[in-house]
Amino acid sequence: MFPAGGVPARGKKTRSSAQRLAATADEFGQVPAGIRGTRAWAVILGNMMIRDATLTDWSAIWLFLREIVAAGETYTWPRDVTEERARDMWLVRPPSRTVVAVDQDGTVLGPAN
């Protein structure tokens, strides 16, 4: 880690945040197929990981989102939005991103975008 001043000692090599993340994500065992080598990212927080959402996450995301949209209190979307339309609106394209929090088993705990 860094000394009290927040700067590594001169000449001392440190691992980049990407290298630390890759090692931690590998240990966590939740690097989704197709993520490695892309602009995707993930953050480990205790027993969960926040990572870019993939199309394979959609069914779990829709379980959360369907009820939230139907309540009509959070989003200005039509309450009866179709799953297809919701997916197109929720799974945004770069440079924006949609993320999910997953536990160590890969279960989606919640989405955000």
N, C-alpha and C. Protein backbone atom coordinates (compact mmCIF):
# COMPACT_ATOMS: atom_id res chain seq x y z
N MET A 1 0.83 -1.19 0.00
CA MET A 1 0.00 0.00 0.00
C MET A 1 0.87 1.25 0.00
N PHE A 2 0.22 2.38 -0.04
CA PHE A 2 0.94 3.65 -0.07
C PHE A 2 1.29 4.10 1.33
N PRO A 3 2.39 4.84 1.46
CA PRO A 3 2.73 5.42 2.76
C PRO A 3 1.73 6.51 3.13
N ALA A 4 1.89 7.08 4.30
CA ALA A 4 0.94 8.07 4.82
C ALA A 4 0.66 9.21 3.84
N GLY A 5 1.64 9.62 3.05
CA GLY A 5 1.44 10.72 2.10
C GLY A 5 0.63 10.33 0.89
N GLY A 6 0.36 9.03 0.72
CA GLY A 6 -0.46 8.60 -0.40
C GLY A 6 0.31 8.35 -1.68
N VAL A 7 1.64 8.44 -1.66
CA VAL A 7 2.46 8.25 -2.85
C VAL A 7 3.43 7.10 -2.60
N PRO A 8 3.55 6.15 -3.55
CA PRO A 8 4.48 5.06 -3.32
C PRO A 8 5.92 5.55 -3.27
N ALA A 9 6.76 4.82 -2.54
CA ALA A 9 8.17 5.19 -2.44
C ALA A 9 8.78 5.21 -3.83
N ARG A 10 9.70 6.14 -4.06
CA ARG A 10 10.33 6.30 -5.37
C ARG A 10 11.01 5.00 -5.77
N GLY A 11 10.75 4.57 -6.99
CA GLY A 11 11.37 3.38 -7.52
C GLY A 11 10.66 2.09 -7.13
N LYS A 12 9.71 2.16 -6.23
CA LYS A 12 9.00 0.95 -5.81
C LYS A 12 7.85 0.69 -6.78
N LYS A 13 7.77 -0.53 -7.30
CA LYS A 13 6.73 -0.88 -8.24
C LYS A 13 5.47 -1.30 -7.49
N THR A 14 4.33 -0.82 -7.95
CA THR A 14 3.06 -1.22 -7.37
C THR A 14 2.20 -1.82 -8.46
N ARG A 15 1.30 -2.70 -8.08
CA ARG A 15 0.37 -3.26 -9.07
C ARG A 15 -0.69 -2.22 -9.39
N SER A 16 -1.09 -2.18 -10.64
CA SER A 16 -2.13 -1.24 -11.03
C SER A 16 -3.46 -1.69 -10.43
N SER A 17 -4.41 -0.77 -10.38
CA SER A 17 -5.72 -1.13 -9.85
C SER A 17 -6.35 -2.21 -10.72
N ALA A 18 -6.09 -2.18 -12.02
CA ALA A 18 -6.64 -3.21 -12.90
C ALA A 18 -6.03 -4.57 -12.58
N GLN A 19 -4.72 -4.61 -12.28
CA GLN A 19 -4.09 -5.88 -11.91
C GLN A 19 -4.63 -6.40 -10.59
N ARG A 20 -4.79 -5.50 -9.60
CA ARG A 20 -5.34 -5.93 -8.31
C ARG A 20 -6.76 -6.43 -8.47
N LEU A 21 -7.56 -5.73 -9.27
CA LEU A 21 -8.95 -6.13 -9.49
C LEU A 21 -9.03 -7.48 -10.17
N ALA A 22 -8.22 -7.68 -11.20
CA ALA A 22 -8.25 -8.96 -11.93
C ALA A 22 -7.91 -10.11 -10.99
N ALA A 23 -6.89 -9.92 -10.15
CA ALA A 23 -6.51 -10.98 -9.21
C ALA A 23 -7.62 -11.23 -8.21
N THR A 24 -8.22 -10.16 -7.68
CA THR A 24 -9.29 -10.32 -6.70
C THR A 24 -10.52 -10.95 -7.34
N ALA A 25 -10.88 -10.52 -8.55
CA ALA A 25 -12.05 -11.08 -9.22
C ALA A 25 -11.84 -12.55 -9.53
N ASP A 26 -10.61 -12.93 -9.91
CA ASP A 26 -10.33 -14.34 -10.15
C ASP A 26 -10.50 -15.15 -8.87
N GLU A 27 -10.01 -14.61 -7.74
CA GLU A 27 -10.17 -15.29 -6.46
C GLU A 27 -11.64 -15.40 -6.09
N PHE A 28 -12.40 -14.37 -6.41
CA PHE A 28 -13.83 -14.35 -6.11
C PHE A 28 -14.57 -15.38 -6.97
N GLY A 29 -13.98 -15.68 -8.14
CA GLY A 29 -14.56 -16.69 -9.01
C GLY A 29 -15.76 -16.21 -9.81
N GLN A 30 -15.87 -14.91 -10.04
CA GLN A 30 -17.06 -14.38 -10.70
C GLN A 30 -16.76 -13.54 -11.93
N VAL A 31 -15.67 -13.83 -12.63
CA VAL A 31 -15.39 -13.09 -13.85
C VAL A 31 -16.23 -13.73 -14.95
N PRO A 32 -17.31 -13.06 -15.40
CA PRO A 32 -18.20 -13.66 -16.39
C PRO A 32 -17.49 -13.91 -17.71
N ALA A 33 -17.89 -14.95 -18.40
CA ALA A 33 -17.33 -15.26 -19.72
C ALA A 33 -17.51 -14.05 -20.62
N GLY A 34 -16.49 -13.75 -21.39
CA GLY A 34 -16.57 -12.65 -22.34
C GLY A 34 -16.20 -11.30 -21.75
N ILE A 35 -15.96 -11.22 -20.44
CA ILE A 35 -15.64 -9.94 -19.82
C ILE A 35 -14.15 -9.63 -19.95
N ARG A 36 -13.30 -10.62 -19.73
CA ARG A 36 -11.86 -10.39 -19.73
C ARG A 36 -11.42 -9.79 -21.07
N GLY A 37 -10.62 -8.73 -20.99
CA GLY A 37 -10.10 -8.10 -22.20
C GLY A 37 -11.03 -7.06 -22.80
N THR A 38 -12.15 -6.77 -22.14
CA THR A 38 -13.07 -5.75 -22.63
C THR A 38 -12.96 -4.53 -21.72
N ARG A 39 -13.79 -3.52 -21.95
CA ARG A 39 -13.78 -2.33 -21.10
C ARG A 39 -14.54 -2.57 -19.82
N ALA A 40 -14.98 -3.80 -19.59
CA ALA A 40 -15.75 -4.13 -18.40
C ALA A 40 -14.91 -3.98 -17.14
N TRP A 41 -15.59 -3.80 -16.04
CA TRP A 41 -14.90 -3.65 -14.77
C TRP A 41 -15.73 -4.29 -13.68
N ALA A 42 -15.11 -4.44 -12.52
CA ALA A 42 -15.80 -4.98 -11.36
C ALA A 42 -15.13 -4.46 -10.10
N VAL A 43 -15.89 -4.41 -9.03
CA VAL A 43 -15.39 -3.99 -7.73
C VAL A 43 -15.84 -5.03 -6.72
N ILE A 44 -14.92 -5.47 -5.87
CA ILE A 44 -15.23 -6.44 -4.83
C ILE A 44 -15.51 -5.68 -3.54
N LEU A 45 -16.66 -5.94 -2.94
CA LEU A 45 -17.03 -5.32 -1.67
C LEU A 45 -17.47 -6.42 -0.71
N GLY A 46 -16.58 -6.82 0.15
CA GLY A 46 -16.92 -7.88 1.09
C GLY A 46 -17.25 -9.16 0.36
N ASN A 47 -18.46 -9.66 0.54
CA ASN A 47 -18.89 -10.90 -0.09
C ASN A 47 -19.68 -10.69 -1.37
N MET A 48 -19.61 -9.50 -1.94
CA MET A 48 -20.30 -9.28 -3.21
C MET A 48 -19.38 -8.55 -4.17
N MET A 49 -19.73 -8.67 -5.44
CA MET A 49 -18.98 -7.99 -6.49
C MET A 49 -19.96 -7.15 -7.29
N ILE A 50 -19.56 -5.94 -7.62
CA ILE A 50 -20.33 -5.08 -8.52
C ILE A 50 -19.58 -5.11 -9.83
N ARG A 51 -20.28 -5.53 -10.89
CA ARG A 51 -19.63 -5.68 -12.19
C ARG A 51 -20.59 -5.25 -13.29
N ASP A 52 -20.04 -5.09 -14.48
CA ASP A 52 -20.88 -4.78 -15.63
C ASP A 52 -21.90 -5.88 -15.82
N ALA A 53 -23.11 -5.48 -16.15
CA ALA A 53 -24.17 -6.45 -16.44
C ALA A 53 -23.97 -7.01 -17.84
N THR A 54 -24.40 -8.25 -18.02
CA THR A 54 -24.37 -8.89 -19.34
C THR A 54 -25.79 -9.29 -19.71
N LEU A 55 -25.98 -9.65 -20.95
CA LEU A 55 -27.32 -10.10 -21.37
C LEU A 55 -27.79 -11.29 -20.56
N THR A 56 -26.89 -12.13 -20.11
CA THR A 56 -27.30 -13.30 -19.32
C THR A 56 -27.83 -12.89 -17.94
N ASP A 57 -27.57 -11.66 -17.52
CA ASP A 57 -28.10 -11.17 -16.25
C ASP A 57 -29.54 -10.65 -16.38
N TRP A 58 -30.01 -10.47 -17.60
CA TRP A 58 -31.27 -9.77 -17.79
C TRP A 58 -32.44 -10.41 -17.05
N SER A 59 -32.58 -11.71 -17.08
CA SER A 59 -33.76 -12.33 -16.43
C SER A 59 -33.80 -11.99 -14.94
N ALA A 60 -32.64 -11.95 -14.28
CA ALA A 60 -32.60 -11.59 -12.87
C ALA A 60 -32.88 -10.10 -12.68
N ILE A 61 -32.35 -9.27 -13.57
CA ILE A 61 -32.61 -7.83 -13.49
C ILE A 61 -34.10 -7.56 -13.66
N TRP A 62 -34.73 -8.23 -14.61
CA TRP A 62 -36.15 -8.01 -14.90
C TRP A 62 -37.02 -8.36 -13.70
N LEU A 63 -36.61 -9.33 -12.91
CA LEU A 63 -37.38 -9.66 -11.69
C LEU A 63 -37.47 -8.45 -10.77
N PHE A 64 -36.37 -7.71 -10.62
CA PHE A 64 -36.38 -6.50 -9.79
C PHE A 64 -37.12 -5.37 -10.51
N LEU A 65 -36.73 -5.13 -11.73
CA LEU A 65 -37.18 -3.95 -12.47
C LEU A 65 -38.67 -3.97 -12.77
N ARG A 66 -39.21 -5.13 -13.09
CA ARG A 66 -40.63 -5.25 -13.43
C ARG A 66 -41.51 -4.69 -12.32
N GLU A 67 -41.23 -5.06 -11.08
CA GLU A 67 -42.04 -4.59 -9.95
C GLU A 67 -41.85 -3.10 -9.69
N ILE A 68 -40.62 -2.63 -9.84
CA ILE A 68 -40.34 -1.21 -9.61
C ILE A 68 -41.05 -0.35 -10.63
N VAL A 69 -40.98 -0.75 -11.90
CA VAL A 69 -41.63 0.03 -12.96
C VAL A 69 -43.15 -0.03 -12.81
N ALA A 70 -43.69 -1.19 -12.48
CA ALA A 70 -45.14 -1.35 -12.33
C ALA A 70 -45.69 -0.47 -11.21
N ALA A 71 -44.89 -0.21 -10.18
CA ALA A 71 -45.34 0.64 -9.08
C ALA A 71 -45.48 2.10 -9.51
N GLY A 72 -44.73 2.50 -10.54
CA GLY A 72 -44.85 3.85 -11.09
C GLY A 72 -44.33 4.96 -10.19
N GLU A 73 -43.49 4.64 -9.21
CA GLU A 73 -43.01 5.65 -8.28
C GLU A 73 -41.56 6.07 -8.50
N THR A 74 -40.81 5.28 -9.27
CA THR A 74 -39.39 5.54 -9.41
C THR A 74 -39.02 6.02 -10.80
N TYR A 75 -39.57 5.41 -11.83
CA TYR A 75 -39.23 5.75 -13.21
C TYR A 75 -40.46 6.31 -13.92
N THR A 76 -40.18 7.09 -14.95
CA THR A 76 -41.28 7.67 -15.73
C THR A 76 -41.64 6.79 -16.91
N TRP A 77 -41.26 5.53 -16.85
CA TRP A 77 -41.59 4.59 -17.92
C TRP A 77 -43.07 4.22 -17.82
N PRO A 78 -43.65 3.76 -18.95
CA PRO A 78 -45.03 3.25 -18.86
C PRO A 78 -45.06 2.07 -17.88
N ARG A 79 -46.06 2.03 -17.02
CA ARG A 79 -46.15 0.95 -16.03
C ARG A 79 -46.26 -0.43 -16.66
N ASP A 80 -46.78 -0.48 -17.87
CA ASP A 80 -46.96 -1.78 -18.55
C ASP A 80 -45.89 -2.00 -19.63
N VAL A 81 -44.71 -1.42 -19.42
CA VAL A 81 -43.64 -1.56 -20.41
C VAL A 81 -43.36 -3.04 -20.67
N THR A 82 -43.11 -3.37 -21.93
CA THR A 82 -42.80 -4.76 -22.26
C THR A 82 -41.39 -5.11 -21.79
N GLU A 83 -41.15 -6.38 -21.60
CA GLU A 83 -39.82 -6.81 -21.18
C GLU A 83 -38.77 -6.42 -22.22
N GLU A 84 -39.10 -6.59 -23.49
CA GLU A 84 -38.16 -6.26 -24.56
C GLU A 84 -37.79 -4.77 -24.54
N ARG A 85 -38.80 -3.92 -24.41
CA ARG A 85 -38.56 -2.47 -24.38
C ARG A 85 -37.76 -2.09 -23.13
N ALA A 86 -38.09 -2.70 -22.00
CA ALA A 86 -37.37 -2.41 -20.76
C ALA A 86 -35.91 -2.81 -20.88
N ARG A 87 -35.66 -3.96 -21.48
CA ARG A 87 -34.28 -4.41 -21.67
C ARG A 87 -33.51 -3.41 -22.54
N ASP A 88 -34.14 -2.93 -23.61
CA ASP A 88 -33.48 -1.96 -24.48
C ASP A 88 -33.17 -0.66 -23.74
N MET A 89 -34.05 -0.26 -22.83
CA MET A 89 -33.84 0.99 -22.09
C MET A 89 -32.86 0.80 -20.93
N TRP A 90 -32.85 -0.37 -20.30
CA TRP A 90 -32.04 -0.58 -19.10
C TRP A 90 -30.60 -0.98 -19.41
N LEU A 91 -30.41 -1.88 -20.34
CA LEU A 91 -29.05 -2.33 -20.69
C LEU A 91 -28.46 -1.34 -21.69
N VAL A 92 -27.92 -0.27 -21.16
CA VAL A 92 -27.44 0.84 -21.98
C VAL A 92 -26.14 0.48 -22.68
N ARG A 93 -25.84 1.23 -23.71
CA ARG A 93 -24.64 1.00 -24.50
C ARG A 93 -23.55 2.00 -24.09
N PRO A 94 -22.28 1.64 -24.33
CA PRO A 94 -21.17 2.55 -23.99
C PRO A 94 -21.36 3.90 -24.68
N PRO A 95 -20.95 4.96 -24.02
CA PRO A 95 -20.09 4.98 -22.85
C PRO A 95 -20.84 4.82 -21.53
N SER A 96 -22.16 4.73 -21.54
CA SER A 96 -22.90 4.47 -20.31
C SER A 96 -22.70 3.02 -19.91
N ARG A 97 -23.14 2.66 -18.72
CA ARG A 97 -23.00 1.26 -18.30
C ARG A 97 -24.11 0.89 -17.34
N THR A 98 -24.43 -0.38 -17.35
CA THR A 98 -25.36 -0.98 -16.39
C THR A 98 -24.54 -1.97 -15.58
N VAL A 99 -24.75 -1.98 -14.26
CA VAL A 99 -24.00 -2.87 -13.39
C VAL A 99 -24.96 -3.73 -12.57
N VAL A 100 -24.43 -4.82 -12.06
CA VAL A 100 -25.16 -5.67 -11.12
C VAL A 100 -24.27 -5.96 -9.93
N ALA A 101 -24.89 -6.14 -8.79
CA ALA A 101 -24.20 -6.65 -7.61
C ALA A 101 -24.51 -8.13 -7.56
N VAL A 102 -23.48 -8.96 -7.42
CA VAL A 102 -23.68 -10.41 -7.35
C VAL A 102 -22.98 -10.95 -6.11
N ASP A 103 -23.54 -12.05 -5.58
CA ASP A 103 -22.88 -12.69 -4.44
C ASP A 103 -21.86 -13.69 -4.96
N GLN A 104 -21.22 -14.42 -4.06
CA GLN A 104 -20.17 -15.35 -4.47
C GLN A 104 -20.69 -16.50 -5.31
N ASP A 105 -22.00 -16.75 -5.28
CA ASP A 105 -22.58 -17.80 -6.11
C ASP A 105 -23.00 -17.27 -7.48
N GLY A 106 -22.85 -15.96 -7.70
CA GLY A 106 -23.24 -15.36 -8.97
C GLY A 106 -24.68 -14.90 -9.02
N THR A 107 -25.39 -15.02 -7.90
CA THR A 107 -26.79 -14.57 -7.84
C THR A 107 -26.84 -13.04 -7.89
N VAL A 108 -27.67 -12.52 -8.78
CA VAL A 108 -27.81 -11.07 -8.89
C VAL A 108 -28.58 -10.57 -7.68
N LEU A 109 -27.96 -9.64 -6.93
CA LEU A 109 -28.57 -9.05 -5.75
C LEU A 109 -29.30 -7.76 -6.06
N GLY A 110 -28.90 -7.11 -7.16
CA GLY A 110 -29.54 -5.86 -7.56
C GLY A 110 -28.84 -5.24 -8.74
N PRO A 111 -29.58 -4.48 -9.55
CA PRO A 111 -29.00 -3.80 -10.70
C PRO A 111 -28.94 -2.28 -10.49
N ALA A 112 -28.16 -1.60 -11.33
CA ALA A 112 -28.13 -0.15 -11.36
C ALA A 112 -27.61 0.29 -12.72
N ASN A 113 -28.05 1.46 -13.13
CA ASN A 113 -27.47 2.06 -14.34
C ASN A 113 -27.50 3.55 -14.25
